[in-house]
C-alpha atoms as a PDB file:
ATOM      1  CA  ALA A   1       0.000   0.000   0.000  1.00  0.00           C
ATOM      2  CA  GLU A   2       1.193   3.488  -0.855  1.00  0.00           C
ATOM      3  CA  ARG A   3       2.072   5.569   2.178  1.00  0.00           C
ATOM      4  CA  ARG A   4       0.906   9.150   1.842  1.00  0.00           C
ATOM      5  CA  ARG A   5       3.289  11.643   3.318  1.00  0.00           C
ATOM      6  CA  PRO A   6       2.126  14.779   5.060  1.00  0.00           C
ATOM      7  CA  ASP A   7       1.632  17.878   2.984  1.00  0.00           C
ATOM      8  CA  SER A   8       0.925  21.372   4.214  1.00  0.00           C
ATOM      9  CA  VAL A   9      -0.782  24.433   2.799  1.00  0.00           C
ATOM     10  CA  LEU A  10       0.072  28.014   3.684  1.00  0.00           C
ATOM     11  CA  LEU A  11      -2.396  30.750   2.840  1.00  0.00           C
ATOM     12  CA  LEU A  12      -0.969  34.236   3.131  1.00  0.00           C
ATOM     13  CA  ALA A  13      -2.229  37.740   2.576  1.00  0.00           C
ATOM     14  CA  PRO A  14      -0.841  41.188   3.275  1.00  0.00           C
ATOM     15  CA  ASN A  15      -2.431  42.949   6.246  1.00  0.00           C
ATOM     16  CA  HIS A  16      -4.287  46.239   5.730  1.00  0.00           C
ATOM     17  CA  PHE A  17      -4.012  45.911   1.953  1.00  0.00           C
ATOM     18  CA  LYS A  18      -7.064  48.112   1.290  1.00  0.00           C
ATOM     19  CA  GLN A  19      -5.459  50.836   3.406  1.00  0.00           C
ATOM     20  CA  THR A  20      -2.345  50.588   1.223  1.00  0.00           C
ATOM     21  CA  THR A  21      -4.300  50.979  -2.008  1.00  0.00           C
ATOM     22  CA  ASP A  22      -6.511  53.732  -0.574  1.00  0.00           C
ATOM     23  CA  GLN A  23      -3.683  55.815   0.890  1.00  0.00           C
ATOM     24  CA  CYS A  24      -0.871  55.064  -1.530  1.00  0.00           C
ATOM     25  CA  ALA A  25      -2.797  54.343  -4.772  1.00  0.00           C
ATOM     26  CA  HIS A  26      -3.257  51.130  -6.693  1.00  0.00           C
ATOM     27  CA  PRO A  27       0.221  51.022  -8.278  1.00  0.00           C
ATOM     28  CA  ALA A  28       1.696  50.785  -4.756  1.00  0.00           C
ATOM     29  CA  GLY A  29      -0.738  47.963  -3.968  1.00  0.00           C
ATOM     30  CA  ASP A  30       0.256  46.156  -7.161  1.00  0.00           C
ATOM     31  CA  TRP A  31       3.915  46.538  -6.211  1.00  0.00           C
ATOM     32  CA  VAL A  32       3.217  45.065  -2.747  1.00  0.00           C
ATOM     33  CA  LEU A  33       1.487  42.069  -4.359  1.00  0.00           C
ATOM     34  CA  ARG A  34       4.475  41.489  -6.671  1.00  0.00           C
ATOM     35  CA  GLU A  35       6.811  41.618  -3.669  1.00  0.00           C
ATOM     36  CA  VAL A  36       4.670  39.180  -1.669  1.00  0.00           C
ATOM     37  CA  ALA A  37       4.669  36.856  -4.710  1.00  0.00           C
ATOM     38  CA  ARG A  38       8.462  37.156  -4.893  1.00  0.00           C
ATOM     39  CA  VAL A  39       8.736  36.117  -1.224  1.00  0.00           C
ATOM     40  CA  GLY A  40       6.402  33.171  -1.819  1.00  0.00           C
ATOM     41  CA  ARG A  41       8.453  31.974  -4.784  1.00  0.00           C
ATOM     42  CA  LEU A  42      11.673  32.268  -2.745  1.00  0.00           C
ATOM     43  CA  HIS A  43      10.242  29.886  -0.146  1.00  0.00           C
ATOM     44  CA  CYS A  44       8.850  27.460  -2.722  1.00  0.00           C
ATOM     45  CA  ARG A  45      10.924  24.327  -3.217  1.00  0.00           C
ATOM     46  CA  GLU A  46      11.055  22.515  -6.560  1.00  0.00           C
ATOM     47  CA  GLN A  47       8.331  20.029  -5.528  1.00  0.00           C
ATOM     48  CA  ASP A  48       6.022  22.704  -4.033  1.00  0.00           C
ATOM     49  CA  LEU A  49       3.272  24.750  -5.655  1.00  0.00           C
ATOM     50  CA  PHE A  50       2.811  28.491  -5.261  1.00  0.00           C
ATOM     51  CA  GLY A  51       0.265  30.848  -6.743  1.00  0.00           C
ATOM     52  CA  ARG A  52      -2.135  33.693  -6.273  1.00  0.00           C
ATOM     53  CA  LEU A  53      -5.646  32.556  -5.435  1.00  0.00           C
ATOM     54  CA  GLY A  54      -7.244  35.900  -6.138  1.00  0.00           C
ATOM     55  CA  GLY A  55      -7.422  39.327  -4.597  1.00  0.00           C
ATOM     56  CA  GLU A  56      -4.467  39.579  -2.260  1.00  0.00           C
ATOM     57  CA  GLU A  57      -4.369  35.907  -1.189  1.00  0.00           C
ATOM     58  CA  PHE A  58      -1.596  33.490  -2.099  1.00  0.00           C
ATOM     59  CA  ALA A  59      -1.265  29.763  -1.430  1.00  0.00           C
ATOM     60  CA  LEU A  60       1.877  27.710  -0.993  1.00  0.00           C
ATOM     61  CA  THR A  61       1.464  23.927  -1.023  1.00  0.00           C
ATOM     62  CA  LEU A  62       4.419  22.275   0.680  1.00  0.00           C
ATOM     63  CA  VAL A  63       4.801  18.695  -0.554  1.00  0.00           C
ATOM     64  CA  ASP A  64       6.143  16.114   1.909  1.00  0.00           C
ATOM     65  CA  CYS A  65       6.167  18.696   4.678  1.00  0.00           C
ATOM     66  CA  GLY A  66       4.671  18.274   8.141  1.00  0.00           C
ATOM     67  CA  ALA A  67       3.260  20.920  10.465  1.00  0.00           C
ATOM     68  CA  ASP A  68       6.543  21.814  12.202  1.00  0.00           C
ATOM     69  CA  ALA A  69       8.421  22.495   8.963  1.00  0.00           C
ATOM     70  CA  ALA A  70       5.386  24.332   7.547  1.00  0.00           C
ATOM     71  CA  MET A  71       5.297  26.633  10.586  1.00  0.00           C
ATOM     72  CA  ARG A  72       8.999  27.384  10.125  1.00  0.00           C
ATOM     73  CA  THR A  73       8.301  28.250   6.478  1.00  0.00           C
ATOM     74  CA  ALA A  74       5.320  30.413   7.507  1.00  0.00           C
ATOM     75  CA  GLU A  75       7.493  32.328   9.957  1.00  0.00           C
ATOM     76  CA  ALA A  76      10.237  32.752   7.342  1.00  0.00           C
ATOM     77  CA  CYS A  77       7.675  34.126   4.852  1.00  0.00           C
ATOM     78  CA  ARG A  78       6.210  36.425   7.492  1.00  0.00           C
ATOM     79  CA  ARG A  79       9.645  37.820   8.383  1.00  0.00           C
ATOM     80  CA  ALA A  80      10.597  38.298   4.730  1.00  0.00           C
ATOM     81  CA  ILE A  81       7.335  40.131   3.988  1.00  0.00           C
ATOM     82  CA  ALA A  82       7.788  42.337   7.076  1.00  0.00           C
ATOM     83  CA  SER A  83      11.194  43.351   5.731  1.00  0.00           C
ATOM     84  CA  ILE A  84       9.727  44.655   2.453  1.00  0.00           C
ATOM     85  CA  ASP A  85      10.422  48.378   2.184  1.00  0.00           C
ATOM     86  CA  ALA A  86       7.594  50.108   0.337  1.00  0.00           C
ATOM     87  CA  GLY A  87       9.381  53.457   0.535  1.00  0.00           C
ATOM     88  CA  SER A  88      10.430  53.235  -3.103  1.00  0.00           C
ATOM     89  CA  THR A  89       6.738  53.428  -4.072  1.00  0.00           C
ATOM     90  CA  GLY A  90       6.282  56.608  -2.062  1.00  0.00           C
ATOM     91  CA  CYS A  91       4.199  54.680   0.449  1.00  0.00           C
ATOM     92  CA  GLY A  92       5.390  54.833   4.024  1.00  0.00           C
ATOM     93  CA  LEU A  93       3.023  52.144   5.311  1.00  0.00           C
ATOM     94  CA  PRO A  94       4.608  48.966   6.669  1.00  0.00           C
ATOM     95  CA  VAL A  95       4.082  45.717   4.776  1.00  0.00           C
ATOM     96  CA  THR A  96       3.119  42.747   6.941  1.00  0.00           C
ATOM     97  CA  ALA A  97       1.203  39.537   6.330  1.00  0.00           C
ATOM     98  CA  SER A  98      -0.900  36.972   8.110  1.00  0.00           C
ATOM     99  CA  VAL A  99      -0.338  33.317   7.308  1.00  0.00           C
ATOM    100  CA  GLY A 100      -2.663  30.384   7.866  1.00  0.00           C
ATOM    101  CA  VAL A 101      -1.090  26.926   8.090  1.00  0.00           C
ATOM    102  CA  VAL A 102      -2.765  23.534   7.758  1.00  0.00           C
ATOM    103  CA  ALA A 103      -1.057  20.145   7.620  1.00  0.00           C
ATOM    104  CA  THR A 104      -2.393  16.781   6.530  1.00  0.00           C
ATOM    105  CA  ARG A 105      -2.161  13.832   8.860  1.00  0.00           C
ATOM    106  CA  GLY A 106      -3.018  10.972   6.541  1.00  0.00           C
ATOM    107  CA  ALA A 107      -4.561   9.905   3.261  1.00  0.00           C
ATOM    108  CA  SER A 108      -8.049  11.033   4.321  1.00  0.00           C
ATOM    109  CA  ASP A 109      -6.848  14.630   4.736  1.00  0.00           C
ATOM    110  CA  TYR A 110      -6.137  15.248   1.048  1.00  0.00           C
ATOM    111  CA  ASP A 111      -9.273  17.199   0.130  1.00  0.00           C
ATOM    112  CA  TYR A 112      -7.584  20.304  -1.271  1.00  0.00           C
ATOM    113  CA  GLU A 113     -10.681  22.504  -1.003  1.00  0.00           C
ATOM    114  CA  ALA A 114     -10.990  21.629   2.699  1.00  0.00           C
ATOM    115  CA  LEU A 115      -7.281  22.326   3.197  1.00  0.00           C
ATOM    116  CA  ILE A 116      -7.664  25.770   1.616  1.00  0.00           C
ATOM    117  CA  ALA A 117     -10.748  26.471   3.761  1.00  0.00           C
ATOM    118  CA  HIS A 118      -8.874  25.413   6.908  1.00  0.00           C
ATOM    119  CA  ALA A 119      -5.817  27.476   5.981  1.00  0.00           C
ATOM    120  CA  ASP A 120      -8.166  30.411   5.331  1.00  0.00           C
ATOM    121  CA  ALA A 121      -9.742  30.043   8.794  1.00  0.00           C
ATOM    122  CA  ALA A 122      -6.262  29.963  10.331  1.00  0.00           C
ATOM    123  CA  MET A 123      -5.149  33.021   8.340  1.00  0.00           C
ATOM    124  CA  TYR A 124      -8.162  35.037   9.502  1.00  0.00           C
ATOM    125  CA  ARG A 125      -7.479  33.973  13.082  1.00  0.00           C
ATOM    126  CA  ALA A 126      -3.929  35.332  12.666  1.00  0.00           C
ATOM    127  CA  LYS A 127      -5.434  38.591  11.343  1.00  0.00           C
ATOM    128  CA  ASP A 128      -7.858  38.702  14.303  1.00  0.00           C
ATOM    129  CA  ARG A 129      -4.858  38.491  16.613  1.00  0.00           C
ATOM    130  CA  GLY A 130      -3.416  41.673  15.147  1.00  0.00           C
ATOM    131  CA  GLY A 131      -1.786  40.376  11.968  1.00  0.00           C
ATOM    132  CA  ASN A 132       1.902  39.991  11.192  1.00  0.00           C
ATOM    133  CA  GLY A 133       1.841  36.403  12.416  1.00  0.00           C
ATOM    134  CA  PHE A 134       0.855  32.884  11.535  1.00  0.00           C
ATOM    135  CA  GLN A 135      -1.669  30.433  12.918  1.00  0.00           C
ATOM    136  CA  LEU A 136      -1.738  26.647  12.670  1.00  0.00           C
ATOM    137  CA  TYR A 137      -5.204  25.289  11.931  1.00  0.00           C
ATOM    138  CA  THR A 138      -6.858  23.230  14.632  1.00  0.00           C
ATOM    139  CA  GLY A 139     -10.414  21.961  14.851  1.00  0.00           C
ATOM    140  CA  ALA A 140     -11.013  24.576  17.547  1.00  0.00           C
ATOM    141  CA  LEU A 141     -10.744  27.264  14.856  1.00  0.00           C
ATOM    142  CA  ASN A 142     -13.877  25.850  13.227  1.00  0.00           C
ATOM    143  CA  ALA A 143     -15.718  26.178  16.527  1.00  0.00           C
ATOM    144  CA  HIS A 144     -14.429  29.765  16.860  1.00  0.00           C
ATOM    145  CA  ALA A 145     -15.526  30.573  13.292  1.00  0.00           C
ATOM    146  CA  PHE A 146     -19.014  29.140  13.903  1.00  0.00           C
ATOM    147  CA  GLU A 147     -19.304  31.174  17.125  1.00  0.00           C
ATOM    148  CA  GLN A 148     -18.323  34.343  15.237  1.00  0.00           C
ATOM    149  CA  LEU A 149     -20.843  33.618  12.463  1.00  0.00           C
ATOM    150  CA  GLU A 150     -23.603  32.940  15.005  1.00  0.00           C
ATOM    151  CA  LEU A 151     -22.824  36.182  16.846  1.00  0.00           C
ATOM    152  CA  GLU A 152     -22.843  38.128  13.573  1.00  0.00           C
ATOM    153  CA  SER A 153     -26.157  36.528  12.600  1.00  0.00           C
ATOM    154  CA  ARG A 154     -27.760  37.403  15.958  1.00  0.00           C
ATOM    155  CA  LEU A 155     -26.518  41.003  15.682  1.00  0.00           C
ATOM    156  CA  ARG A 156     -27.929  41.356  12.162  1.00  0.00           C
ATOM    157  CA  ARG A 157     -31.308  39.994  13.296  1.00  0.00           C
ATOM    158  CA  ALA A 158     -31.357  42.372  16.290  1.00  0.00           C
ATOM    159  CA  VAL A 159     -30.530  45.384  14.123  1.00  0.00           C
ATOM    160  CA  ALA A 160     -33.177  44.379  11.574  1.00  0.00           C
ATOM    161  CA  ALA A 161     -35.800  43.903  14.325  1.00  0.00           C
ATOM    162  CA  SER A 162     -34.915  47.268  15.847  1.00  0.00           C
ATOM    163  CA  ALA A 163     -35.227  48.979  12.467  1.00  0.00           C
ATOM    164  CA  ARG A 164     -38.676  47.428  11.946  1.00  0.00           C
ATOM    165  CA  ARG A 165     -39.812  48.606  15.390  1.00  0.00           C
ATOM    166  CA  CYS A 166     -38.613  52.129  14.651  1.00  0.00           C
ATOM    167  CA  SER A 167     -40.400  52.299  11.303  1.00  0.00           C
ATOM    168  CA  ARG A 168     -43.689  51.035  12.833  1.00  0.00           C
ATOM    169  CA  ARG A 169     -43.847  53.750  15.453  1.00  0.00           C
ATOM    170  CA  ARG A 170     -46.232  56.530  14.546  1.00  0.00           C
ATOM    171  CA  ARG A 171     -45.264  60.059  15.054  1.00  0.00           C
ATOM    172  CA  ARG A 172     -47.526  61.833  17.435  1.00  0.00           C
ATOM    173  CA  PRO A 173     -48.523  65.283  16.260  1.00  0.00           C
ATOM    174  CA  ARG A 174     -46.861  67.981  18.264  1.00  0.00           C
ATOM    175  CA  PRO A 175     -49.174  70.393  19.933  1.00  0.00           C
ATOM    176  CA  GLY A 176     -49.270  73.667  18.080  1.00  0.00           C
ATOM    177  CA  PRO A 177     -50.057  77.131  19.331  1.00  0.00           C
ATOM    178  CA  ALA A 178     -53.397  77.443  21.055  1.00  0.00           C
ATOM    179  CA  GLN A 179     -56.257  78.391  18.790  1.00  0.00           C
ATOM    180  CA  PRO A 180     -58.322  81.389  19.889  1.00  0.00           C
ATOM    181  CA  ALA A 181     -61.842  80.540  21.069  1.00  0.00           C
ATOM    182  CA  ARG A 182     -64.684  81.588  18.792  1.00  0.00           C
END
Protein backbone atom coordinates (compact mmCIF):
# COMPACT_ATOMS: atom_id res chain seq x y z
CA ALA A 1 0.00 0.00 0.00
CA GLU A 2 1.19 3.49 -0.86
CA ARG A 3 2.07 5.57 2.18
CA ARG A 4 0.91 9.15 1.84
CA ARG A 5 3.29 11.64 3.32
CA PRO A 6 2.13 14.78 5.06
CA ASP A 7 1.63 17.88 2.98
CA SER A 8 0.92 21.37 4.21
CA VAL A 9 -0.78 24.43 2.80
CA LEU A 10 0.07 28.01 3.68
CA LEU A 11 -2.40 30.75 2.84
CA LEU A 12 -0.97 34.24 3.13
CA ALA A 13 -2.23 37.74 2.58
CA PRO A 14 -0.84 41.19 3.27
CA ASN A 15 -2.43 42.95 6.25
CA HIS A 16 -4.29 46.24 5.73
CA PHE A 17 -4.01 45.91 1.95
CA LYS A 18 -7.06 48.11 1.29
CA GLN A 19 -5.46 50.84 3.41
CA THR A 20 -2.35 50.59 1.22
CA THR A 21 -4.30 50.98 -2.01
CA ASP A 22 -6.51 53.73 -0.57
CA GLN A 23 -3.68 55.82 0.89
CA CYS A 24 -0.87 55.06 -1.53
CA ALA A 25 -2.80 54.34 -4.77
CA HIS A 26 -3.26 51.13 -6.69
CA PRO A 27 0.22 51.02 -8.28
CA ALA A 28 1.70 50.79 -4.76
CA GLY A 29 -0.74 47.96 -3.97
CA ASP A 30 0.26 46.16 -7.16
CA TRP A 31 3.92 46.54 -6.21
CA VAL A 32 3.22 45.07 -2.75
CA LEU A 33 1.49 42.07 -4.36
CA ARG A 34 4.47 41.49 -6.67
CA GLU A 35 6.81 41.62 -3.67
CA VAL A 36 4.67 39.18 -1.67
CA ALA A 37 4.67 36.86 -4.71
CA ARG A 38 8.46 37.16 -4.89
CA VAL A 39 8.74 36.12 -1.22
CA GLY A 40 6.40 33.17 -1.82
CA ARG A 41 8.45 31.97 -4.78
CA LEU A 42 11.67 32.27 -2.75
CA HIS A 43 10.24 29.89 -0.15
CA CYS A 44 8.85 27.46 -2.72
CA ARG A 45 10.92 24.33 -3.22
CA GLU A 46 11.05 22.51 -6.56
CA GLN A 47 8.33 20.03 -5.53
CA ASP A 48 6.02 22.70 -4.03
CA LEU A 49 3.27 24.75 -5.65
CA PHE A 50 2.81 28.49 -5.26
CA GLY A 51 0.26 30.85 -6.74
CA ARG A 52 -2.13 33.69 -6.27
CA LEU A 53 -5.65 32.56 -5.43
CA GLY A 54 -7.24 35.90 -6.14
CA GLY A 55 -7.42 39.33 -4.60
CA GLU A 56 -4.47 39.58 -2.26
CA GLU A 57 -4.37 35.91 -1.19
CA PHE A 58 -1.60 33.49 -2.10
CA ALA A 59 -1.27 29.76 -1.43
CA LEU A 60 1.88 27.71 -0.99
CA THR A 61 1.46 23.93 -1.02
CA LEU A 62 4.42 22.28 0.68
CA VAL A 63 4.80 18.70 -0.55
CA ASP A 64 6.14 16.11 1.91
CA CYS A 65 6.17 18.70 4.68
CA GLY A 66 4.67 18.27 8.14
CA ALA A 67 3.26 20.92 10.46
CA ASP A 68 6.54 21.81 12.20
CA ALA A 69 8.42 22.50 8.96
CA ALA A 70 5.39 24.33 7.55
CA MET A 71 5.30 26.63 10.59
CA ARG A 72 9.00 27.38 10.12
CA THR A 73 8.30 28.25 6.48
CA ALA A 74 5.32 30.41 7.51
CA GLU A 75 7.49 32.33 9.96
CA ALA A 76 10.24 32.75 7.34
CA CYS A 77 7.68 34.13 4.85
CA ARG A 78 6.21 36.42 7.49
CA ARG A 79 9.65 37.82 8.38
CA ALA A 80 10.60 38.30 4.73
CA ILE A 81 7.33 40.13 3.99
CA ALA A 82 7.79 42.34 7.08
CA SER A 83 11.19 43.35 5.73
CA ILE A 84 9.73 44.65 2.45
CA ASP A 85 10.42 48.38 2.18
CA ALA A 86 7.59 50.11 0.34
CA GLY A 87 9.38 53.46 0.53
CA SER A 88 10.43 53.24 -3.10
CA THR A 89 6.74 53.43 -4.07
CA GLY A 90 6.28 56.61 -2.06
CA CYS A 91 4.20 54.68 0.45
CA GLY A 92 5.39 54.83 4.02
CA LEU A 93 3.02 52.14 5.31
CA PRO A 94 4.61 48.97 6.67
CA VAL A 95 4.08 45.72 4.78
CA THR A 96 3.12 42.75 6.94
CA ALA A 97 1.20 39.54 6.33
CA SER A 98 -0.90 36.97 8.11
CA VAL A 99 -0.34 33.32 7.31
CA GLY A 100 -2.66 30.38 7.87
CA VAL A 101 -1.09 26.93 8.09
CA VAL A 102 -2.76 23.53 7.76
CA ALA A 103 -1.06 20.14 7.62
CA THR A 104 -2.39 16.78 6.53
CA ARG A 105 -2.16 13.83 8.86
CA GLY A 106 -3.02 10.97 6.54
CA ALA A 107 -4.56 9.90 3.26
CA SER A 108 -8.05 11.03 4.32
CA ASP A 109 -6.85 14.63 4.74
CA TYR A 110 -6.14 15.25 1.05
CA ASP A 111 -9.27 17.20 0.13
CA TYR A 112 -7.58 20.30 -1.27
CA GLU A 113 -10.68 22.50 -1.00
CA ALA A 114 -10.99 21.63 2.70
CA LEU A 115 -7.28 22.33 3.20
CA ILE A 116 -7.66 25.77 1.62
CA ALA A 117 -10.75 26.47 3.76
CA HIS A 118 -8.87 25.41 6.91
CA ALA A 119 -5.82 27.48 5.98
CA ASP A 120 -8.17 30.41 5.33
CA ALA A 121 -9.74 30.04 8.79
CA ALA A 122 -6.26 29.96 10.33
CA MET A 123 -5.15 33.02 8.34
CA TYR A 124 -8.16 35.04 9.50
CA ARG A 125 -7.48 33.97 13.08
CA ALA A 126 -3.93 35.33 12.67
CA LYS A 127 -5.43 38.59 11.34
CA ASP A 128 -7.86 38.70 14.30
CA ARG A 129 -4.86 38.49 16.61
CA GLY A 130 -3.42 41.67 15.15
CA GLY A 131 -1.79 40.38 11.97
CA ASN A 132 1.90 39.99 11.19
CA GLY A 133 1.84 36.40 12.42
CA PHE A 134 0.85 32.88 11.54
CA GLN A 135 -1.67 30.43 12.92
CA LEU A 136 -1.74 26.65 12.67
CA TYR A 137 -5.20 25.29 11.93
CA THR A 138 -6.86 23.23 14.63
CA GLY A 139 -10.41 21.96 14.85
CA ALA A 140 -11.01 24.58 17.55
CA LEU A 141 -10.74 27.26 14.86
CA ASN A 142 -13.88 25.85 13.23
CA ALA A 143 -15.72 26.18 16.53
CA HIS A 144 -14.43 29.77 16.86
CA ALA A 145 -15.53 30.57 13.29
CA PHE A 146 -19.01 29.14 13.90
CA GLU A 147 -19.30 31.17 17.13
CA GLN A 148 -18.32 34.34 15.24
CA LEU A 149 -20.84 33.62 12.46
CA GLU A 150 -23.60 32.94 15.00
CA LEU A 151 -22.82 36.18 16.85
CA GLU A 152 -22.84 38.13 13.57
CA SER A 153 -26.16 36.53 12.60
CA ARG A 154 -27.76 37.40 15.96
CA LEU A 155 -26.52 41.00 15.68
CA ARG A 156 -27.93 41.36 12.16
CA ARG A 157 -31.31 39.99 13.30
CA ALA A 158 -31.36 42.37 16.29
CA VAL A 159 -30.53 45.38 14.12
CA ALA A 160 -33.18 44.38 11.57
CA ALA A 161 -35.80 43.90 14.33
CA SER A 162 -34.91 47.27 15.85
CA ALA A 163 -35.23 48.98 12.47
CA ARG A 164 -38.68 47.43 11.95
CA ARG A 165 -39.81 48.61 15.39
CA CYS A 166 -38.61 52.13 14.65
CA SER A 167 -40.40 52.30 11.30
CA ARG A 168 -43.69 51.03 12.83
CA ARG A 169 -43.85 53.75 15.45
CA ARG A 170 -46.23 56.53 14.55
CA ARG A 171 -45.26 60.06 15.05
CA ARG A 172 -47.53 61.83 17.44
CA PRO A 173 -48.52 65.28 16.26
CA ARG A 174 -46.86 67.98 18.26
CA PRO A 175 -49.17 70.39 19.93
CA GLY A 176 -49.27 73.67 18.08
CA PRO A 177 -50.06 77.13 19.33
CA ALA A 178 -53.40 77.44 21.05
CA GLN A 179 -56.26 78.39 18.79
CA PRO A 180 -58.32 81.39 19.89
CA ALA A 181 -61.84 80.54 21.07
CA ARG A 182 -64.68 81.59 18.79
